Amino acid sequence: MRYIEKKHVIHTFSPEHPPVGRARSGETVTFETYDCYKGQLLPGDTTFADLDRSLENPATGPLFVEEAAPGDVLRVDILDISLDPVGILDMGPASGALKGKVSATVIRRVPVQDNRIHYRNLEIPARPMVGVIGVAPESGAVSTMTPMNHGGNMDCTRIEAGCSLYLPVKAPGALLAMGDLHAIMGDGEVGNCGVEIGGRVTVRVHVLKGLALEYPMIRNSQKWITVAYGETLDEAGDKAVLQMFSFLTEHAGADPVDAGMYLDMLGDLAVCQIVNPMKTMRLELPRLVTEAEGFTGFAQEDGL
């Protein structure tokens, strides 16, 4: 199994970044990650004023996947997320929907032991997730703070162990990178953050040759999920719905009227995050819908 250390980080997704590791389709790789502040707030005497904001949201990578080429899709199976022993919570005067509710930034260092979060008198089961995960765009550079069709800073709580994430490949080798783990985060990330934490993410990568998919999708044991971005929640929500509609009609074989009615009956639209300039929303649809249409997976996944 390959292992990519957290000393190899990027702050943009770009086809120009040299790979720090290579894998073939079907192989397993572990990414060691920093928290979103690159560990700067872990020392007990550190304040928010000491933070170098240019180091935020480091993503470990990129990984070059040998068979991946533009026009393919990279399926990333999240096999395991293990967490460091301490995470960070912070709240300040400009914290998301809670801006103005406190006059100064407060940092809390939160112990995480045996997959349980200890906050004041609460012991909360951890729900580890990957906030930033993506591949290189076709050209240019996209900040790791930004979600787009390559993935990026989606902050989607459904990107967790046991799921498969589908990412459209736009550059040779895909150039996969990830970071910004959360021990737990509420949908919306309404204040400023989840429990920001470092850790290790073990994934298996599969190249799906020639699969026409232009947006990120997630599959878990129960649902198909589209994740979309926009400057407003309305824009992001509309995109997530339309992407699921396209998936149903173009891949699952559903009639357009049936697809729309499936979405009306069973589609759940949810907020991923509201705190970044580019918002993210998701649309979840039970897999029983596509199974009823005779679709159990993409043809490129046969035999995987």
Protein backbone atom coordinates (compact mmCIF):
# COMPACT_ATOMS: atom_id res chain seq x y z
CA MET A 1 0.00 0.00 0.00
CA ARG A 2 1.29 3.45 -0.90
CA TYR A 3 1.55 6.22 1.70
CA ILE A 4 1.73 9.95 0.97
CA GLU A 5 3.06 12.03 3.85
CA LYS A 6 1.50 15.34 4.83
CA LYS A 7 4.71 17.20 4.06
CA HIS A 8 3.56 17.00 0.42
CA VAL A 9 0.80 19.61 0.22
CA ILE A 10 -0.76 21.88 -2.37
CA HIS A 11 -2.99 24.92 -1.94
CA THR A 12 -4.43 24.83 -5.46
CA PHE A 13 -5.67 22.09 -7.75
CA SER A 14 -3.75 22.43 -11.01
CA PRO A 15 -2.45 20.23 -13.84
CA GLU A 16 0.92 21.95 -13.35
CA HIS A 17 1.64 20.39 -9.95
CA PRO A 18 4.21 17.57 -10.11
CA PRO A 19 2.88 14.33 -8.61
CA VAL A 20 4.30 13.17 -5.29
CA GLY A 21 3.06 9.61 -5.69
CA ARG A 22 1.78 7.20 -8.33
CA ALA A 23 -0.74 4.38 -8.28
CA ARG A 24 -2.47 2.11 -10.74
CA SER A 25 -6.21 1.66 -11.02
CA GLY A 26 -7.38 -0.67 -8.26
CA GLU A 27 -4.54 0.14 -5.86
CA THR A 28 -4.86 1.43 -2.30
CA VAL A 29 -3.24 4.64 -1.06
CA THR A 30 -3.17 6.36 2.34
CA PHE A 31 -3.00 10.16 2.50
CA GLU A 32 -1.68 11.70 5.72
CA THR A 33 -3.28 15.11 6.21
CA TYR A 34 -2.96 18.26 8.29
CA ASP A 35 -5.98 20.01 9.73
CA CYS A 36 -7.24 23.00 7.74
CA TYR A 37 -4.91 25.34 9.66
CA LYS A 38 -1.86 23.16 8.97
CA GLY A 39 -1.48 22.46 12.68
CA GLN A 40 -0.80 26.11 13.52
CA LEU A 41 -3.46 26.33 16.24
CA LEU A 42 -2.55 23.12 18.08
CA PRO A 43 0.03 24.67 20.46
CA GLY A 44 -1.87 25.84 23.54
CA ASP A 45 -0.45 29.37 23.53
CA THR A 46 -1.28 30.08 19.86
CA THR A 47 -3.93 32.69 19.06
CA PHE A 48 -5.83 33.35 15.87
CA ALA A 49 -3.69 36.46 15.37
CA ASP A 50 -0.66 34.18 15.00
CA LEU A 51 -2.24 32.32 12.08
CA ASP A 52 -0.59 32.48 8.65
CA ARG A 53 -3.72 32.42 6.49
CA SER A 54 -1.73 31.56 3.36
CA LEU A 55 -1.16 28.07 4.80
CA GLU A 56 -4.86 27.26 5.23
CA ASN A 57 -6.61 24.28 3.64
CA PRO A 58 -3.54 22.26 2.62
CA ALA A 59 -4.37 19.21 0.53
CA THR A 60 -2.00 16.25 0.55
CA GLY A 61 -0.88 15.16 -2.91
CA PRO A 62 -1.23 15.11 -5.79
CA LEU A 63 -1.37 11.42 -6.69
CA PHE A 64 -0.89 10.46 -10.35
CA VAL A 65 -3.18 7.56 -11.30
CA GLU A 66 -1.47 5.78 -14.17
CA GLU A 67 -4.43 4.96 -16.44
CA ALA A 68 -6.42 8.17 -15.86
CA ALA A 69 -6.85 10.49 -18.85
CA PRO A 70 -9.15 13.39 -19.74
CA GLY A 71 -12.62 12.05 -20.48
CA ASP A 72 -12.43 9.37 -17.80
CA VAL A 73 -13.85 9.35 -14.28
CA LEU A 74 -11.83 8.59 -11.15
CA ARG A 75 -13.75 6.57 -8.57
CA VAL A 76 -12.30 7.06 -5.10
CA ASP A 77 -13.46 4.51 -2.55
CA ILE A 78 -13.05 5.92 0.96
CA LEU A 79 -12.00 2.86 2.94
CA ASP A 80 -11.00 4.39 6.27
CA ILE A 81 -10.51 7.73 8.02
CA SER A 82 -8.39 7.72 11.18
CA LEU A 83 -8.10 10.86 13.29
CA ASP A 84 -5.35 12.62 15.20
CA PRO A 85 -5.89 12.96 19.00
CA VAL A 86 -6.76 16.68 19.05
CA GLY A 87 -9.01 18.81 16.87
CA ILE A 88 -9.75 22.53 16.69
CA LEU A 89 -12.99 24.51 16.98
CA ASP A 90 -13.04 28.27 16.61
CA MET A 91 -15.64 31.02 16.55
CA GLY A 92 -15.07 34.68 15.78
CA PRO A 93 -16.82 37.94 14.96
CA ALA A 94 -17.10 36.98 11.26
CA SER A 95 -18.18 33.35 11.76
CA GLY A 96 -20.70 32.48 9.04
CA ALA A 97 -24.35 32.90 10.02
CA LEU A 98 -23.21 33.67 13.58
CA LYS A 99 -21.18 36.76 12.67
CA GLY A 100 -21.31 39.47 15.28
CA LYS A 101 -22.35 37.10 18.08
CA VAL A 102 -18.93 37.21 19.76
CA SER A 103 -16.50 40.10 19.92
CA ALA A 104 -13.24 38.14 19.74
CA THR A 105 -12.11 34.85 18.24
CA VAL A 106 -12.20 31.90 20.63
CA ILE A 107 -10.24 28.68 20.01
CA ARG A 108 -11.10 25.37 21.64
CA ARG A 109 -8.77 22.37 21.44
CA VAL A 110 -10.92 19.26 21.45
CA PRO A 111 -9.64 15.80 22.48
CA VAL A 112 -10.62 12.91 20.21
CA GLN A 113 -10.08 9.43 21.65
CA ASP A 114 -11.39 6.06 20.46
CA ASN A 115 -13.43 7.84 17.80
CA ARG A 116 -15.23 9.92 20.41
CA ILE A 117 -15.10 13.70 20.75
CA HIS A 118 -14.84 15.17 24.25
CA TYR A 119 -16.32 18.68 24.42
CA ARG A 120 -17.09 20.10 27.87
CA ASN A 121 -19.48 17.57 29.46
CA LEU A 122 -20.36 15.90 26.18
CA GLU A 123 -18.93 12.74 24.69
CA ILE A 124 -19.93 12.73 21.03
CA PRO A 125 -19.41 9.85 18.59
CA ALA A 126 -17.11 11.06 15.82
CA ARG A 127 -18.37 11.18 12.24
CA PRO A 128 -15.11 11.58 10.30
CA MET A 129 -15.39 13.18 6.87
CA VAL A 130 -13.15 14.63 4.16
CA GLY A 131 -13.79 18.33 3.52
CA VAL A 132 -11.43 18.85 0.58
CA ILE A 133 -10.92 16.22 -2.10
CA GLY A 134 -10.50 16.68 -5.82
CA VAL A 135 -8.55 16.32 -9.00
CA ALA A 136 -6.87 18.85 -11.28
CA PRO A 137 -8.98 21.02 -13.59
CA GLU A 138 -8.22 21.08 -17.31
CA SER A 139 -6.14 24.25 -16.99
CA GLY A 140 -5.28 26.99 -14.53
CA ALA A 141 -5.33 26.67 -10.76
CA VAL A 142 -8.29 26.49 -8.38
CA SER A 143 -7.79 27.26 -4.69
CA THR A 144 -8.30 24.43 -2.23
CA MET A 145 -10.79 26.79 -0.57
CA THR A 146 -13.10 26.56 -3.60
CA PRO A 147 -15.55 23.85 -4.74
CA MET A 148 -16.10 23.30 -8.46
CA ASN A 149 -16.74 20.36 -10.80
CA HIS A 150 -13.27 18.96 -10.06
CA GLY A 151 -14.34 18.54 -6.41
CA GLY A 152 -12.31 20.70 -4.06
CA ASN A 153 -13.70 22.25 -0.88
CA MET A 154 -17.11 20.57 -0.99
CA ASP A 155 -17.41 20.14 2.80
CA CYS A 156 -19.96 17.38 2.26
CA THR A 157 -20.63 15.21 5.30
CA ARG A 158 -21.41 12.26 3.04
CA ILE A 159 -17.75 11.99 1.98
CA GLU A 160 -16.98 9.46 4.68
CA ALA A 161 -15.73 5.91 5.07
CA GLY A 162 -17.82 3.49 3.06
CA CYS A 163 -18.65 5.84 0.21
CA SER A 164 -17.38 6.04 -3.36
CA LEU A 165 -16.71 9.47 -4.85
CA TYR A 166 -16.78 9.95 -8.62
CA LEU A 167 -14.65 12.79 -10.03
CA PRO A 168 -14.40 13.80 -13.71
CA VAL A 169 -10.81 13.57 -14.96
CA LYS A 170 -9.59 16.63 -16.86
CA ALA A 171 -5.80 16.22 -16.67
CA PRO A 172 -3.46 13.26 -17.29
CA GLY A 173 -3.17 11.14 -14.15
CA ALA A 174 -6.14 12.92 -12.52
CA LEU A 175 -3.81 14.36 -9.81
CA LEU A 176 -5.85 13.48 -6.73
CA ALA A 177 -5.34 15.39 -3.48
CA MET A 178 -7.26 15.69 -0.22
CA GLY A 179 -7.31 17.28 3.23
CA ASP A 180 -9.47 19.38 5.59
CA LEU A 181 -10.72 16.46 7.67
CA HIS A 182 -13.42 16.95 10.27
CA ALA A 183 -14.00 14.70 13.27
CA ILE A 184 -17.58 15.92 13.06
CA MET A 185 -19.39 18.74 11.27
CA GLY A 186 -23.05 19.68 11.11
CA ASP A 187 -24.60 20.05 7.67
CA GLY A 188 -24.10 23.66 6.59
CA GLU A 189 -20.95 24.35 8.62
CA VAL A 190 -23.10 27.23 9.83
CA GLY A 191 -20.64 28.99 12.12
CA ASN A 192 -17.16 28.61 10.76
CA CYS A 193 -15.92 25.05 11.01
CA GLY A 194 -16.38 21.51 12.19
CA VAL A 195 -13.89 19.87 14.52
CA GLU A 196 -10.88 20.56 12.29
CA ILE A 197 -8.38 17.74 12.59
CA GLY A 198 -5.51 15.96 10.93
CA GLY A 199 -5.46 12.28 10.20
CA ARG A 200 -5.08 9.61 7.56
CA VAL A 201 -7.44 8.72 4.73
CA THR A 202 -7.11 5.34 3.06
CA VAL A 203 -8.65 5.11 -0.40
CA ARG A 204 -8.79 2.77 -3.35
CA VAL A 205 -8.72 4.40 -6.79
CA HIS A 206 -10.41 3.07 -9.91
CA VAL A 207 -10.29 4.58 -13.40
CA LEU A 208 -13.60 4.36 -15.28
CA LYS A 209 -12.58 4.80 -18.91
CA GLY A 210 -14.67 7.04 -21.14
CA LEU A 211 -17.44 7.66 -18.62
CA ALA A 212 -19.23 10.91 -19.50
CA LEU A 213 -19.78 12.49 -16.09
CA GLU A 214 -19.07 16.19 -15.68
CA TYR A 215 -19.73 16.70 -11.97
CA PRO A 216 -18.88 15.03 -8.65
CA MET A 217 -21.14 12.22 -7.44
CA ILE A 218 -21.18 10.05 -4.33
CA ARG A 219 -22.52 6.55 -3.90
CA ASN A 220 -22.99 4.95 -0.52
CA SER A 221 -24.83 1.84 0.61
CA GLN A 222 -28.22 3.51 0.33
CA LYS A 223 -28.05 6.55 -1.94
CA TRP A 224 -26.74 8.33 -4.99
CA ILE A 225 -25.71 11.91 -4.22
CA THR A 226 -24.85 14.86 -6.46
CA VAL A 227 -22.79 17.73 -5.02
CA ALA A 228 -22.96 21.16 -6.67
CA TYR A 229 -21.64 24.66 -6.06
CA GLY A 230 -22.88 28.20 -6.61
CA GLU A 231 -22.55 31.77 -5.41
CA THR A 232 -25.94 31.33 -3.71
CA LEU A 233 -27.64 28.34 -2.13
CA ASP A 234 -30.40 28.63 -4.73
CA GLU A 235 -27.89 28.32 -7.56
CA ALA A 236 -26.09 25.41 -5.92
CA GLY A 237 -29.36 23.64 -5.13
CA ASP A 238 -30.69 24.00 -8.67
CA LYS A 239 -27.43 22.57 -10.04
CA ALA A 240 -27.54 19.59 -7.69
CA VAL A 241 -31.11 18.81 -8.79
CA LEU A 242 -30.34 19.17 -12.50
CA GLN A 243 -27.25 17.01 -12.18
CA MET A 244 -29.26 14.23 -10.54
CA PHE A 245 -31.90 14.59 -13.27
CA SER A 246 -29.16 14.22 -15.90
CA PHE A 247 -27.77 11.18 -14.11
CA LEU A 248 -31.20 9.54 -14.06
CA THR A 249 -31.98 10.22 -17.71
CA GLU A 250 -28.52 9.82 -19.27
CA HIS A 251 -27.09 6.97 -17.20
CA ALA A 252 -29.87 5.19 -15.30
CA GLY A 253 -32.25 5.09 -18.27
CA ALA A 254 -35.18 6.89 -16.66
CA ASP A 255 -37.81 8.67 -18.72
CA PRO A 256 -37.61 12.47 -18.12
CA VAL A 257 -41.09 12.60 -16.59
CA ASP A 258 -40.35 9.66 -14.32
CA ALA A 259 -37.01 11.21 -13.37
CA GLY A 260 -38.71 14.43 -12.31
CA MET A 261 -41.32 12.57 -10.33
CA TYR A 262 -38.71 10.41 -8.61
CA LEU A 263 -36.98 13.61 -7.51
CA ASP A 264 -40.25 15.11 -6.27
CA MET A 265 -41.08 12.02 -4.23
CA LEU A 266 -37.70 10.88 -2.96
CA GLY A 267 -35.04 13.51 -3.66
CA ASP A 268 -33.68 15.18 -0.52
CA LEU A 269 -31.92 18.52 -1.05
CA ALA A 270 -29.47 19.43 1.72
CA VAL A 271 -26.92 22.12 2.50
CA CYS A 272 -23.25 21.14 2.67
CA GLN A 273 -21.73 24.49 3.64
CA ILE A 274 -22.70 28.18 3.72
CA VAL A 275 -19.49 29.74 5.06
CA ASN A 276 -17.41 30.03 1.89
CA PRO A 277 -17.98 32.49 -0.97
CA MET A 278 -18.93 29.50 -3.15
CA LYS A 279 -21.68 27.51 -1.42
CA THR A 280 -22.29 23.76 -1.80
CA MET A 281 -25.53 21.78 -1.81
CA ARG A 282 -26.29 18.12 -2.40
CA LEU A 283 -29.21 16.09 -3.71
CA GLU A 284 -29.67 12.60 -2.27
CA LEU A 285 -31.73 9.91 -3.98
CA PRO A 286 -32.27 6.34 -2.74
CA ARG A 287 -30.57 3.70 -4.87
CA LEU A 288 -33.82 1.74 -4.95
CA VAL A 289 -34.94 4.22 -7.65
CA THR A 290 -32.11 3.39 -10.04
CA GLU A 291 -32.32 -0.30 -9.20
CA ALA A 292 -36.01 -0.22 -10.18
CA GLU A 293 -34.84 1.19 -13.54
CA GLY A 294 -32.40 -1.73 -13.88
CA PHE A 295 -29.32 0.39 -13.16
CA THR A 296 -26.96 -0.96 -10.51
CA GLY A 297 -23.78 0.86 -11.56
CA PHE A 298 -21.89 2.27 -14.51
CA ALA A 299 -20.92 -0.22 -17.21
CA GLN A 300 -17.27 0.71 -16.60
CA GLU A 301 -17.60 -0.71 -13.08
CA ASP A 302 -18.41 -4.24 -14.19
CA GLY A 303 -15.99 -6.61 -12.53
CA LEU A 304 -14.67 -4.10 -9.98
